[in-house]
Protein backbone atom coordinates (compact mmCIF):
# COMPACT_ATOMS: atom_id res chain seq x y z
CA UNK A 1 0.00 0.00 0.00
CA UNK A 2 1.42 3.40 -1.00
CA UNK A 3 1.95 6.33 1.33
CA UNK A 4 -0.93 8.41 -0.07
CA UNK A 5 -3.63 5.73 0.32
CA UNK A 6 -2.31 4.94 3.82
CA UNK A 7 -2.52 8.61 4.84
CA UNK A 8 -6.03 8.85 3.40
CA UNK A 9 -7.06 5.77 5.36
CA UNK A 10 -5.65 7.23 8.60
CA UNK A 11 -7.49 10.52 8.07
CA UNK A 12 -10.73 8.67 7.37
CA UNK A 13 -10.35 6.47 10.45
CA UNK A 14 -9.57 9.43 12.70
CA UNK A 15 -12.61 11.31 11.40
CA UNK A 16 -14.85 8.34 12.17
CA UNK A 17 -13.21 7.47 15.50
CA UNK A 18 -13.15 10.92 17.11
CA UNK A 19 -16.54 12.60 17.47
CA UNK A 20 -16.87 16.24 16.58
CA UNK A 21 -15.95 18.62 19.36
CA UNK A 22 -18.78 20.51 20.98
CA UNK A 23 -18.87 24.09 19.86
CA UNK A 24 -18.43 26.82 22.41
CA UNK A 25 -20.99 29.36 23.45
CA UNK A 26 -20.91 33.11 23.60
CA UNK A 27 -21.67 34.86 26.86
CA UNK A 28 -21.48 38.31 28.34
CA UNK A 29 -21.06 39.92 31.73
CA UNK A 30 -24.03 42.15 32.53
CA UNK A 31 -23.21 44.81 35.09
CA UNK A 32 -25.62 47.54 36.09
CA UNK A 33 -23.37 50.12 37.73
CA UNK A 34 -23.91 53.04 35.37
CA UNK A 35 -26.43 55.71 34.50
CA UNK A 36 -28.75 55.85 31.48
CA UNK A 37 -29.04 52.06 31.25
CA UNK A 38 -31.72 50.65 28.96
CA UNK A 39 -34.55 48.64 30.52
CA UNK A 40 -33.74 44.99 31.18
CA UNK A 41 -36.26 43.87 28.55
CA UNK A 42 -34.42 45.87 25.87
CA UNK A 43 -31.10 44.37 26.96
CA UNK A 44 -32.56 40.86 26.71
CA UNK A 45 -33.88 41.65 23.22
CA UNK A 46 -30.37 42.77 22.23
CA UNK A 47 -28.77 39.65 23.71
CA UNK A 48 -31.17 37.39 21.82
CA UNK A 49 -30.68 39.29 18.56
CA UNK A 50 -26.92 38.75 18.86
CA UNK A 51 -27.21 35.04 19.64
CA UNK A 52 -25.93 35.40 23.21
CA UNK A 53 -26.75 32.23 25.16
CA UNK A 54 -25.01 32.84 28.51
CA UNK A 55 -25.07 35.84 30.87
CA UNK A 56 -23.24 36.51 34.13
CA UNK A 57 -24.99 38.95 36.47
CA UNK A 58 -23.24 40.84 39.23
CA UNK A 59 -26.42 41.15 41.29
CA UNK A 60 -29.81 39.49 41.49
CA UNK A 61 -31.93 42.42 40.36
CA UNK A 62 -35.52 41.06 40.17
CA UNK A 63 -36.37 43.03 37.02
CA UNK A 64 -33.35 41.60 35.20
CA UNK A 65 -34.11 38.06 36.37
CA UNK A 66 -37.74 38.44 35.23
CA UNK A 67 -36.63 39.73 31.83
CA UNK A 68 -34.25 36.77 31.40
CA UNK A 69 -36.74 34.14 32.58
CA UNK A 70 -38.06 31.75 29.91
CA UNK A 71 -35.69 33.14 27.25
CA UNK A 72 -33.38 30.14 26.99
CA UNK A 73 -30.45 32.31 28.06
CA UNK A 74 -28.40 30.63 30.79
CA UNK A 75 -27.78 32.87 33.79
CA UNK A 76 -25.05 32.85 36.44
CA UNK A 77 -25.48 35.22 39.39
CA UNK A 78 -22.32 36.13 41.29
CA UNK A 79 -22.15 36.70 45.03
CA UNK A 80 -19.83 39.00 46.93
CA UNK A 81 -17.23 37.13 49.00
CA UNK A 82 -18.84 38.20 52.27
CA UNK A 83 -22.06 36.37 51.30
CA UNK A 84 -20.49 33.05 50.29
CA UNK A 85 -20.64 31.42 53.72
CA UNK A 86 -24.26 32.52 54.12
CA UNK A 87 -25.14 31.01 50.74
CA UNK A 88 -23.72 27.65 51.74
CA UNK A 89 -25.95 27.32 54.80
CA UNK A 90 -28.91 27.44 55.37
CA UNK A 91 -30.46 26.28 52.06
CA UNK A 92 -33.25 28.84 52.45
CA UNK A 93 -30.73 31.63 51.68
CA UNK A 94 -30.07 30.20 48.22
CA UNK A 95 -33.80 30.03 47.53
CA UNK A 96 -34.43 33.66 48.49
PDB file of N, CA and C in Angstrom:
ATOM      1  N   UNK A   1       0.848  -1.167   0.000  1.00  0.00           N
ATOM      2  CA  UNK A   1       0.000   0.000   0.000  1.00  0.00           C
ATOM      3  C   UNK A   1       0.892   1.228   0.000  1.00  0.00           C
ATOM      4  N   UNK A   2       0.615   2.194  -0.898  1.00  0.00           N
ATOM      5  CA  UNK A   2       1.423   3.397  -1.001  1.00  0.00           C
ATOM      6  C   UNK A   2       1.186   4.347   0.157  1.00  0.00           C
ATOM      7  N   UNK A   3       2.024   5.364   0.227  1.00  0.00           N
ATOM      8  CA  UNK A   3       1.946   6.327   1.331  1.00  0.00           C
ATOM      9  C   UNK A   3       0.671   7.164   1.263  1.00  0.00           C
ATOM     10  N   UNK A   4       0.264   7.573   0.063  1.00  0.00           N
ATOM     11  CA  UNK A   4      -0.926   8.412  -0.070  1.00  0.00           C
ATOM     12  C   UNK A   4      -2.198   7.676   0.344  1.00  0.00           C
ATOM     13  N   UNK A   5      -2.430   6.444  -0.132  1.00  0.00           N
ATOM     14  CA  UNK A   5      -3.627   5.730   0.325  1.00  0.00           C
ATOM     15  C   UNK A   5      -3.600   5.452   1.826  1.00  0.00           C
ATOM     16  N   UNK A   6      -2.418   5.194   2.386  1.00  0.00           N
ATOM     17  CA  UNK A   6      -2.313   4.939   3.818  1.00  0.00           C
ATOM     18  C   UNK A   6      -2.671   6.197   4.613  1.00  0.00           C
ATOM     19  N   UNK A   7      -2.181   7.349   4.175  1.00  0.00           N
ATOM     20  CA  UNK A   7      -2.518   8.612   4.844  1.00  0.00           C
ATOM     21  C   UNK A   7      -4.015   8.891   4.742  1.00  0.00           C
ATOM     22  N   UNK A   8      -4.592   8.640   3.582  1.00  0.00           N
ATOM     23  CA  UNK A   8      -6.032   8.847   3.402  1.00  0.00           C
ATOM     24  C   UNK A   8      -6.829   7.951   4.330  1.00  0.00           C
ATOM     25  N   UNK A   9      -6.384   6.701   4.476  1.00  0.00           N
ATOM     26  CA  UNK A   9      -7.062   5.767   5.363  1.00  0.00           C
ATOM     27  C   UNK A   9      -6.972   6.240   6.814  1.00  0.00           C
ATOM     28  N   UNK A  10      -5.809   6.727   7.235  1.00  0.00           N
ATOM     29  CA  UNK A  10      -5.646   7.225   8.601  1.00  0.00           C
ATOM     30  C   UNK A  10      -6.534   8.444   8.868  1.00  0.00           C
ATOM     31  N   UNK A  11      -6.630   9.343   7.909  1.00  0.00           N
ATOM     32  CA  UNK A  11      -7.489  10.519   8.067  1.00  0.00           C
ATOM     33  C   UNK A  11      -8.946  10.095   8.173  1.00  0.00           C
ATOM     34  N   UNK A  12      -9.358   9.165   7.339  1.00  0.00           N
ATOM     35  CA  UNK A  12     -10.733   8.675   7.371  1.00  0.00           C
ATOM     36  C   UNK A  12     -11.042   8.001   8.701  1.00  0.00           C
ATOM     37  N   UNK A  13     -10.134   7.156   9.181  1.00  0.00           N
ATOM     38  CA  UNK A  13     -10.350   6.471  10.453  1.00  0.00           C
ATOM     39  C   UNK A  13     -10.401   7.454  11.622  1.00  0.00           C
ATOM     40  N   UNK A  14      -9.551   8.464  11.602  1.00  0.00           N
ATOM     41  CA  UNK A  14      -9.572   9.430  12.703  1.00  0.00           C
ATOM     42  C   UNK A  14     -10.849  10.262  12.676  1.00  0.00           C
ATOM     43  N   UNK A  15     -11.365  10.555  11.499  1.00  0.00           N
ATOM     44  CA  UNK A  15     -12.612  11.312  11.405  1.00  0.00           C
ATOM     45  C   UNK A  15     -13.790  10.500  11.924  1.00  0.00           C
ATOM     46  N   UNK A  16     -13.767   9.202  11.713  1.00  0.00           N
ATOM     47  CA  UNK A  16     -14.846   8.336  12.171  1.00  0.00           C
ATOM     48  C   UNK A  16     -14.699   8.029  13.655  1.00  0.00           C
ATOM     49  N   UNK A  17     -13.473   7.872  14.121  1.00  0.00           N
ATOM     50  CA  UNK A  17     -13.210   7.468  15.496  1.00  0.00           C
ATOM     51  C   UNK A  17     -13.456   8.590  16.494  1.00  0.00           C
ATOM     52  N   UNK A  18     -13.032   9.802  16.181  1.00  0.00           N
ATOM     53  CA  UNK A  18     -13.151  10.919  17.109  1.00  0.00           C
ATOM     54  C   UNK A  18     -14.398  11.730  16.785  1.00  0.00           C
ATOM     55  N   UNK A  19     -15.332  11.810  17.729  1.00  0.00           N
ATOM     56  CA  UNK A  19     -16.542  12.595  17.468  1.00  0.00           C
ATOM     57  C   UNK A  19     -16.212  14.080  17.369  1.00  0.00           C
ATOM     58  N   UNK A  20     -17.076  14.802  16.733  1.00  0.00           N
ATOM     59  CA  UNK A  20     -16.867  16.241  16.579  1.00  0.00           C
ATOM     60  C   UNK A  20     -16.873  16.917  17.944  1.00  0.00           C
ATOM     61  N   UNK A  21     -16.016  17.881  18.096  1.00  0.00           N
ATOM     62  CA  UNK A  21     -15.953  18.623  19.362  1.00  0.00           C
ATOM     63  C   UNK A  21     -17.189  19.500  19.500  1.00  0.00           C
ATOM     64  N   UNK A  22     -17.636  19.643  20.724  1.00  0.00           N
ATOM     65  CA  UNK A  22     -18.784  20.509  20.979  1.00  0.00           C
ATOM     66  C   UNK A  22     -18.363  21.952  20.759  1.00  0.00           C
ATOM     67  N   UNK A  23     -19.212  22.693  20.095  1.00  0.00           N
ATOM     68  CA  UNK A  23     -18.871  24.087  19.858  1.00  0.00           C
ATOM     69  C   UNK A  23     -19.056  24.893  21.135  1.00  0.00           C
ATOM     70  N   UNK A  24     -18.337  25.964  21.229  1.00  0.00           N
ATOM     71  CA  UNK A  24     -18.428  26.820  22.406  1.00  0.00           C
ATOM     72  C   UNK A  24     -19.677  27.680  22.369  1.00  0.00           C
ATOM     73  N   UNK A  25     -19.852  28.454  23.390  1.00  0.00           N
ATOM     74  CA  UNK A  25     -20.991  29.356  23.448  1.00  0.00           C
ATOM     75  C   UNK A  25     -20.482  30.759  23.751  1.00  0.00           C
ATOM     76  N   UNK A  26     -21.274  31.723  23.377  1.00  0.00           N
ATOM     77  CA  UNK A  26     -20.906  33.113  23.597  1.00  0.00           C
ATOM     78  C   UNK A  26     -21.690  33.631  24.790  1.00  0.00           C
ATOM     79  N   UNK A  27     -21.007  34.296  25.695  1.00  0.00           N
ATOM     80  CA  UNK A  27     -21.669  34.861  26.856  1.00  0.00           C
ATOM     81  C   UNK A  27     -21.145  36.252  27.147  1.00  0.00           C
ATOM     82  N   UNK A  28     -21.884  36.961  27.970  1.00  0.00           N
ATOM     83  CA  UNK A  28     -21.479  38.315  28.341  1.00  0.00           C
ATOM     84  C   UNK A  28     -21.632  38.512  29.841  1.00  0.00           C
ATOM     85  N   UNK A  29     -20.894  39.465  30.358  1.00  0.00           N
ATOM     86  CA  UNK A  29     -21.057  39.923  31.734  1.00  0.00           C
ATOM     87  C   UNK A  29     -21.999  41.120  31.690  1.00  0.00           C
ATOM     88  N   UNK A  30     -23.023  41.100  32.529  1.00  0.00           N
ATOM     89  CA  UNK A  30     -24.034  42.154  32.528  1.00  0.00           C
ATOM     90  C   UNK A  30     -23.996  42.872  33.865  1.00  0.00           C
ATOM     91  N   UNK A  31     -23.286  43.992  33.895  1.00  0.00           N
ATOM     92  CA  UNK A  31     -23.214  44.810  35.094  1.00  0.00           C
ATOM     93  C   UNK A  31     -24.169  45.983  34.979  1.00  0.00           C
ATOM     94  N   UNK A  32     -24.625  46.471  36.113  1.00  0.00           N
ATOM     95  CA  UNK A  32     -25.623  47.536  36.092  1.00  0.00           C
ATOM     96  C   UNK A  32     -25.178  48.754  36.893  1.00  0.00           C
ATOM     97  N   UNK A  33     -23.876  48.960  37.008  1.00  0.00           N
ATOM     98  CA  UNK A  33     -23.371  50.120  37.733  1.00  0.00           C
ATOM     99  C   UNK A  33     -23.047  51.201  36.704  1.00  0.00           C
ATOM    100  N   UNK A  34     -24.067  51.956  36.337  1.00  0.00           N
ATOM    101  CA  UNK A  34     -23.913  53.041  35.369  1.00  0.00           C
ATOM    102  C   UNK A  34     -25.202  53.854  35.375  1.00  0.00           C
ATOM    103  N   UNK A  35     -25.194  54.956  34.646  1.00  0.00           N
ATOM    104  CA  UNK A  35     -26.433  55.712  34.498  1.00  0.00           C
ATOM    105  C   UNK A  35     -26.910  55.591  33.054  1.00  0.00           C
ATOM    106  N   UNK A  36     -28.145  55.914  32.815  1.00  0.00           N
ATOM    107  CA  UNK A  36     -28.751  55.848  31.483  1.00  0.00           C
ATOM    108  C   UNK A  36     -28.752  54.440  30.900  1.00  0.00           C
ATOM    109  N   UNK A  37     -28.974  53.441  31.741  1.00  0.00           N
ATOM    110  CA  UNK A  37     -29.041  52.061  31.252  1.00  0.00           C
ATOM    111  C   UNK A  37     -30.396  51.799  30.612  1.00  0.00           C
ATOM    112  N   UNK A  38     -30.423  51.006  29.549  1.00  0.00           N
ATOM    113  CA  UNK A  38     -31.716  50.651  28.957  1.00  0.00           C
ATOM    114  C   UNK A  38     -32.466  49.692  29.877  1.00  0.00           C
ATOM    115  N   UNK A  39     -33.785  49.600  29.713  1.00  0.00           N
ATOM    116  CA  UNK A  39     -34.548  48.640  30.516  1.00  0.00           C
ATOM    117  C   UNK A  39     -34.058  47.215  30.270  1.00  0.00           C
ATOM    118  N   UNK A  40     -34.213  46.373  31.273  1.00  0.00           N
ATOM    119  CA  UNK A  40     -33.737  44.985  31.175  1.00  0.00           C
ATOM    120  C   UNK A  40     -34.360  44.262  29.988  1.00  0.00           C
ATOM    121  N   UNK A  41     -35.613  44.547  29.682  1.00  0.00           N
ATOM    122  CA  UNK A  41     -36.263  43.868  28.548  1.00  0.00           C
ATOM    123  C   UNK A  41     -35.585  44.221  27.232  1.00  0.00           C
ATOM    124  N   UNK A  42     -35.143  45.459  27.088  1.00  0.00           N
ATOM    125  CA  UNK A  42     -34.420  45.867  25.866  1.00  0.00           C
ATOM    126  C   UNK A  42     -33.060  45.183  25.792  1.00  0.00           C
ATOM    127  N   UNK A  43     -32.397  45.047  26.929  1.00  0.00           N
ATOM    128  CA  UNK A  43     -31.101  44.366  26.963  1.00  0.00           C
ATOM    129  C   UNK A  43     -31.271  42.910  26.557  1.00  0.00           C
ATOM    130  N   UNK A  44     -32.305  42.260  27.060  1.00  0.00           N
ATOM    131  CA  UNK A  44     -32.556  40.859  26.708  1.00  0.00           C
ATOM    132  C   UNK A  44     -32.853  40.737  25.217  1.00  0.00           C
ATOM    133  N   UNK A  45     -33.618  41.666  24.664  1.00  0.00           N
ATOM    134  CA  UNK A  45     -33.875  41.649  23.217  1.00  0.00           C
ATOM    135  C   UNK A  45     -32.568  41.758  22.434  1.00  0.00           C
ATOM    136  N   UNK A  46     -31.669  42.621  22.886  1.00  0.00           N
ATOM    137  CA  UNK A  46     -30.366  42.774  22.234  1.00  0.00           C
ATOM    138  C   UNK A  46     -29.550  41.492  22.339  1.00  0.00           C
ATOM    139  N   UNK A  47     -29.519  40.892  23.529  1.00  0.00           N
ATOM    140  CA  UNK A  47     -28.769  39.646  23.715  1.00  0.00           C
ATOM    141  C   UNK A  47     -29.278  38.567  22.767  1.00  0.00           C
ATOM    142  N   UNK A  48     -30.593  38.417  22.695  1.00  0.00           N
ATOM    143  CA  UNK A  48     -31.172  37.390  21.823  1.00  0.00           C
ATOM    144  C   UNK A  48     -30.879  37.678  20.355  1.00  0.00           C
ATOM    145  N   UNK A  49     -30.936  38.946  19.959  1.00  0.00           N
ATOM    146  CA  UNK A  49     -30.678  39.289  18.556  1.00  0.00           C
ATOM    147  C   UNK A  49     -29.234  39.008  18.156  1.00  0.00           C
ATOM    148  N   UNK A  50     -28.329  39.011  19.135  1.00  0.00           N
ATOM    149  CA  UNK A  50     -26.918  38.749  18.859  1.00  0.00           C
ATOM    150  C   UNK A  50     -26.525  37.296  19.088  1.00  0.00           C
ATOM    151  N   UNK A  51     -27.493  36.460  19.444  1.00  0.00           N
ATOM    152  CA  UNK A  51     -27.211  35.038  19.643  1.00  0.00           C
ATOM    153  C   UNK A  51     -26.489  34.730  20.942  1.00  0.00           C
ATOM    154  N   UNK A  52     -26.574  35.622  21.916  1.00  0.00           N
ATOM    155  CA  UNK A  52     -25.933  35.404  23.212  1.00  0.00           C
ATOM    156  C   UNK A  52     -26.735  34.360  23.977  1.00  0.00           C
ATOM    157  N   UNK A  53     -26.054  33.329  24.478  1.00  0.00           N
ATOM    158  CA  UNK A  53     -26.751  32.232  25.158  1.00  0.00           C
ATOM    159  C   UNK A  53     -26.405  32.115  26.637  1.00  0.00           C
ATOM    160  N   UNK A  54     -25.441  32.900  27.107  1.00  0.00           N
ATOM    161  CA  UNK A  54     -25.013  32.839  28.508  1.00  0.00           C
ATOM    162  C   UNK A  54     -24.774  34.255  29.025  1.00  0.00           C
ATOM    163  N   UNK A  55     -25.242  34.525  30.246  1.00  0.00           N
ATOM    164  CA  UNK A  55     -25.066  35.838  30.866  1.00  0.00           C
ATOM    165  C   UNK A  55     -24.617  35.650  32.304  1.00  0.00           C
ATOM    166  N   UNK A  56     -23.648  36.470  32.725  1.00  0.00           N
ATOM    167  CA  UNK A  56     -23.245  36.507  34.134  1.00  0.00           C
ATOM    168  C   UNK A  56     -23.706  37.837  34.705  1.00  0.00           C
ATOM    169  N   UNK A  57     -24.489  37.759  35.791  1.00  0.00           N
ATOM    170  CA  UNK A  57     -24.990  38.952  36.467  1.00  0.00           C
ATOM    171  C   UNK A  57     -24.168  39.209  37.717  1.00  0.00           C
ATOM    172  N   UNK A  58     -23.979  40.479  38.032  1.00  0.00           N
ATOM    173  CA  UNK A  58     -23.237  40.844  39.233  1.00  0.00           C
ATOM    174  C   UNK A  58     -24.148  41.098  40.423  1.00  0.00           C
ATOM    175  N   UNK A  59     -25.456  41.060  40.200  1.00  0.00           N
ATOM    176  CA  UNK A  59     -26.418  41.151  41.295  1.00  0.00           C
ATOM    177  C   UNK A  59     -27.691  40.433  40.850  1.00  0.00           C
ATOM    178  N   UNK A  60     -28.577  40.226  41.787  1.00  0.00           N
ATOM    179  CA  UNK A  60     -29.809  39.488  41.490  1.00  0.00           C
ATOM    180  C   UNK A  60     -30.982  40.455  41.399  1.00  0.00           C
ATOM    181  N   UNK A  61     -30.865  41.444  40.540  1.00  0.00           N
ATOM    182  CA  UNK A  61     -31.934  42.420  40.358  1.00  0.00           C
ATOM    183  C   UNK A  61     -33.185  41.701  39.846  1.00  0.00           C
ATOM    184  N   UNK A  62     -34.306  41.792  40.570  1.00  0.00           N
ATOM    185  CA  UNK A  62     -35.516  41.057  40.167  1.00  0.00           C
ATOM    186  C   UNK A  62     -36.014  41.404  38.766  1.00  0.00           C
ATOM    187  N   UNK A  63     -35.892  42.670  38.355  1.00  0.00           N
ATOM    188  CA  UNK A  63     -36.374  43.035  37.016  1.00  0.00           C
ATOM    189  C   UNK A  63     -35.531  42.377  35.927  1.00  0.00           C
ATOM    190  N   UNK A  64     -34.239  42.252  36.170  1.00  0.00           N
ATOM    191  CA  UNK A  64     -33.353  41.597  35.200  1.00  0.00           C
ATOM    192  C   UNK A  64     -33.642  40.099  35.156  1.00  0.00           C
ATOM    193  N   UNK A  65     -33.806  39.491  36.325  1.00  0.00           N
ATOM    194  CA  UNK A  65     -34.110  38.055  36.367  1.00  0.00           C
ATOM    195  C   UNK A  65     -35.448  37.755  35.698  1.00  0.00           C
ATOM    196  N   UNK A  66     -36.441  38.629  35.904  1.00  0.00           N
ATOM    197  CA  UNK A  66     -37.738  38.442  35.231  1.00  0.00           C
ATOM    198  C   UNK A  66     -37.584  38.552  33.719  1.00  0.00           C
ATOM    199  N   UNK A  67     -36.818  39.533  33.269  1.00  0.00           N
ATOM    200  CA  UNK A  67     -36.630  39.727  31.829  1.00  0.00           C
ATOM    201  C   UNK A  67     -35.907  38.542  31.191  1.00  0.00           C
ATOM    202  N   UNK A  68     -35.010  37.907  31.933  1.00  0.00           N
ATOM    203  CA  UNK A  68     -34.253  36.766  31.403  1.00  0.00           C
ATOM    204  C   UNK A  68     -35.000  35.439  31.534  1.00  0.00           C
ATOM    205  N   UNK A  69     -36.041  35.408  32.366  1.00  0.00           N
ATOM    206  CA  UNK A  69     -36.743  34.138  32.580  1.00  0.00           C
ATOM    207  C   UNK A  69     -37.437  33.686  31.299  1.00  0.00           C
ATOM    208  N   UNK A  70     -37.413  32.393  31.074  1.00  0.00           N
ATOM    209  CA  UNK A  70     -38.056  31.753  29.913  1.00  0.00           C
ATOM    210  C   UNK A  70     -37.536  32.255  28.570  1.00  0.00           C
ATOM    211  N   UNK A  71     -36.278  32.690  28.516  1.00  0.00           N
ATOM    212  CA  UNK A  71     -35.691  33.136  27.252  1.00  0.00           C
ATOM    213  C   UNK A  71     -34.755  32.094  26.653  1.00  0.00           C
ATOM    214  N   UNK A  72     -34.369  31.109  27.455  1.00  0.00           N
ATOM    215  CA  UNK A  72     -33.384  30.139  26.992  1.00  0.00           C
ATOM    216  C   UNK A  72     -31.955  30.595  27.234  1.00  0.00           C
ATOM    217  N   UNK A  73     -31.788  31.808  27.740  1.00  0.00           N
ATOM    218  CA  UNK A  73     -30.451  32.312  28.061  1.00  0.00           C
ATOM    219  C   UNK A  73     -30.063  31.780  29.431  1.00  0.00           C
ATOM    220  N   UNK A  74     -28.894  31.157  29.509  1.00  0.00           N
ATOM    221  CA  UNK A  74     -28.402  30.633  30.791  1.00  0.00           C
ATOM    222  C   UNK A  74     -27.833  31.772  31.616  1.00  0.00           C
ATOM    223  N   UNK A  75     -28.149  31.762  32.914  1.00  0.00           N
ATOM    224  CA  UNK A  75     -27.776  32.867  33.795  1.00  0.00           C
ATOM    225  C   UNK A  75     -26.936  32.353  34.956  1.00  0.00           C
ATOM    226  N   UNK A  76     -25.856  33.074  35.249  1.00  0.00           N
ATOM    227  CA  UNK A  76     -25.048  32.847  36.443  1.00  0.00           C
ATOM    228  C   UNK A  76     -25.096  34.146  37.238  1.00  0.00           C
ATOM    229  N   UNK A  77     -25.444  34.044  38.520  1.00  0.00           N
ATOM    230  CA  UNK A  77     -25.478  35.219  39.392  1.00  0.00           C
ATOM    231  C   UNK A  77     -24.305  35.114  40.356  1.00  0.00           C
ATOM    232  N   UNK A  78     -23.480  36.145  40.392  1.00  0.00           N
ATOM    233  CA  UNK A  78     -22.324  36.133  41.291  1.00  0.00           C
ATOM    234  C   UNK A  78     -22.723  36.654  42.669  1.00  0.00           C
ATOM    235  N   UNK A  79     -21.956  36.247  43.655  1.00  0.00           N
ATOM    236  CA  UNK A  79     -22.149  36.696  45.032  1.00  0.00           C
ATOM    237  C   UNK A  79     -20.879  37.370  45.521  1.00  0.00           C
ATOM    238  N   UNK A  80     -21.016  38.427  46.311  1.00  0.00           N
ATOM    239  CA  UNK A  80     -19.827  39.003  46.933  1.00  0.00           C
ATOM    240  C   UNK A  80     -19.214  37.997  47.908  1.00  0.00           C
ATOM    241  N   UNK A  81     -17.922  38.072  48.116  1.00  0.00           N
ATOM    242  CA  UNK A  81     -17.227  37.132  49.002  1.00  0.00           C
ATOM    243  C   UNK A  81     -17.849  37.063  50.388  1.00  0.00           C
ATOM    244  N   UNK A  82     -18.296  38.200  50.910  1.00  0.00           N
ATOM    245  CA  UNK A  82     -18.837  38.202  52.270  1.00  0.00           C
ATOM    246  C   UNK A  82     -20.167  37.454  52.391  1.00  0.00           C
ATOM    247  N   UNK A  83     -20.799  37.122  51.264  1.00  0.00           N
ATOM    248  CA  UNK A  83     -22.061  36.373  51.304  1.00  0.00           C
ATOM    249  C   UNK A  83     -21.892  34.886  51.002  1.00  0.00           C
ATOM    250  N   UNK A  84     -20.693  34.447  50.674  1.00  0.00           N
ATOM    251  CA  UNK A  84     -20.490  33.048  50.290  1.00  0.00           C
ATOM    252  C   UNK A  84     -20.816  32.077  51.409  1.00  0.00           C
ATOM    253  N   UNK A  85     -20.364  32.356  52.622  1.00  0.00           N
ATOM    254  CA  UNK A  85     -20.645  31.423  53.719  1.00  0.00           C
ATOM    255  C   UNK A  85     -22.134  31.386  54.031  1.00  0.00           C
ATOM    256  N   UNK A  86     -22.815  32.503  53.903  1.00  0.00           N
ATOM    257  CA  UNK A  86     -24.264  32.521  54.123  1.00  0.00           C
ATOM    258  C   UNK A  86     -24.997  31.719  53.056  1.00  0.00           C
ATOM    259  N   UNK A  87     -24.482  31.741  51.831  1.00  0.00           N
ATOM    260  CA  UNK A  87     -25.138  31.014  50.740  1.00  0.00           C
ATOM    261  C   UNK A  87     -24.992  29.514  50.901  1.00  0.00           C
ATOM    262  N   UNK A  88     -23.946  29.085  51.572  1.00  0.00           N
ATOM    263  CA  UNK A  88     -23.723  27.651  51.745  1.00  0.00           C
ATOM    264  C   UNK A  88     -24.679  27.053  52.768  1.00  0.00           C
ATOM    265  N   UNK A  89     -25.052  27.832  53.770  1.00  0.00           N
ATOM    266  CA  UNK A  89     -25.946  27.320  54.804  1.00  0.00           C
ATOM    267  C   UNK A  89     -26.673  28.500  55.427  1.00  0.00           C
ATOM    268  N   UNK A  90     -27.935  28.491  55.607  1.00  0.00           N
ATOM    269  CA  UNK A  90     -28.913  27.439  55.367  1.00  0.00           C
ATOM    270  C   UNK A  90     -29.395  27.446  53.913  1.00  0.00           C
ATOM    271  N   UNK A  91     -29.969  26.355  53.449  1.00  0.00           N
ATOM    272  CA  UNK A  91     -30.455  26.279  52.064  1.00  0.00           C
ATOM    273  C   UNK A  91     -31.507  27.339  51.732  1.00  0.00           C
ATOM    274  N   UNK A  92     -32.220  27.835  52.713  1.00  0.00           N
ATOM    275  CA  UNK A  92     -33.250  28.843  52.449  1.00  0.00           C
ATOM    276  C   UNK A  92     -32.652  30.133  51.885  1.00  0.00           C
ATOM    277  N   UNK A  93     -31.385  30.429  52.210  1.00  0.00           N
ATOM    278  CA  UNK A  93     -30.734  31.629  51.679  1.00  0.00           C
ATOM    279  C   UNK A  93     -30.616  31.541  50.162  1.00  0.00           C
ATOM    280  N   UNK A  94     -30.240  30.379  49.668  1.00  0.00           N
ATOM    281  CA  UNK A  94     -30.073  30.202  48.225  1.00  0.00           C
ATOM    282  C   UNK A  94     -31.402  30.320  47.497  1.00  0.00           C
ATOM    283  N   UNK A  95     -32.488  29.975  48.158  1.00  0.00           N
ATOM    284  CA  UNK A  95     -33.799  30.034  47.529  1.00  0.00           C
ATOM    285  C   UNK A  95     -34.402  31.427  47.566  1.00  0.00           C
ATOM    286  N   UNK A  96     -33.857  32.318  48.374  1.00  0.00           N
ATOM    287  CA  UNK A  96     -34.435  33.662  48.487  1.00  0.00           C
ATOM    288  C   UNK A  96     -33.921  34.590  47.405  1.00  0.00           C
TER     289      UNK A  96
END
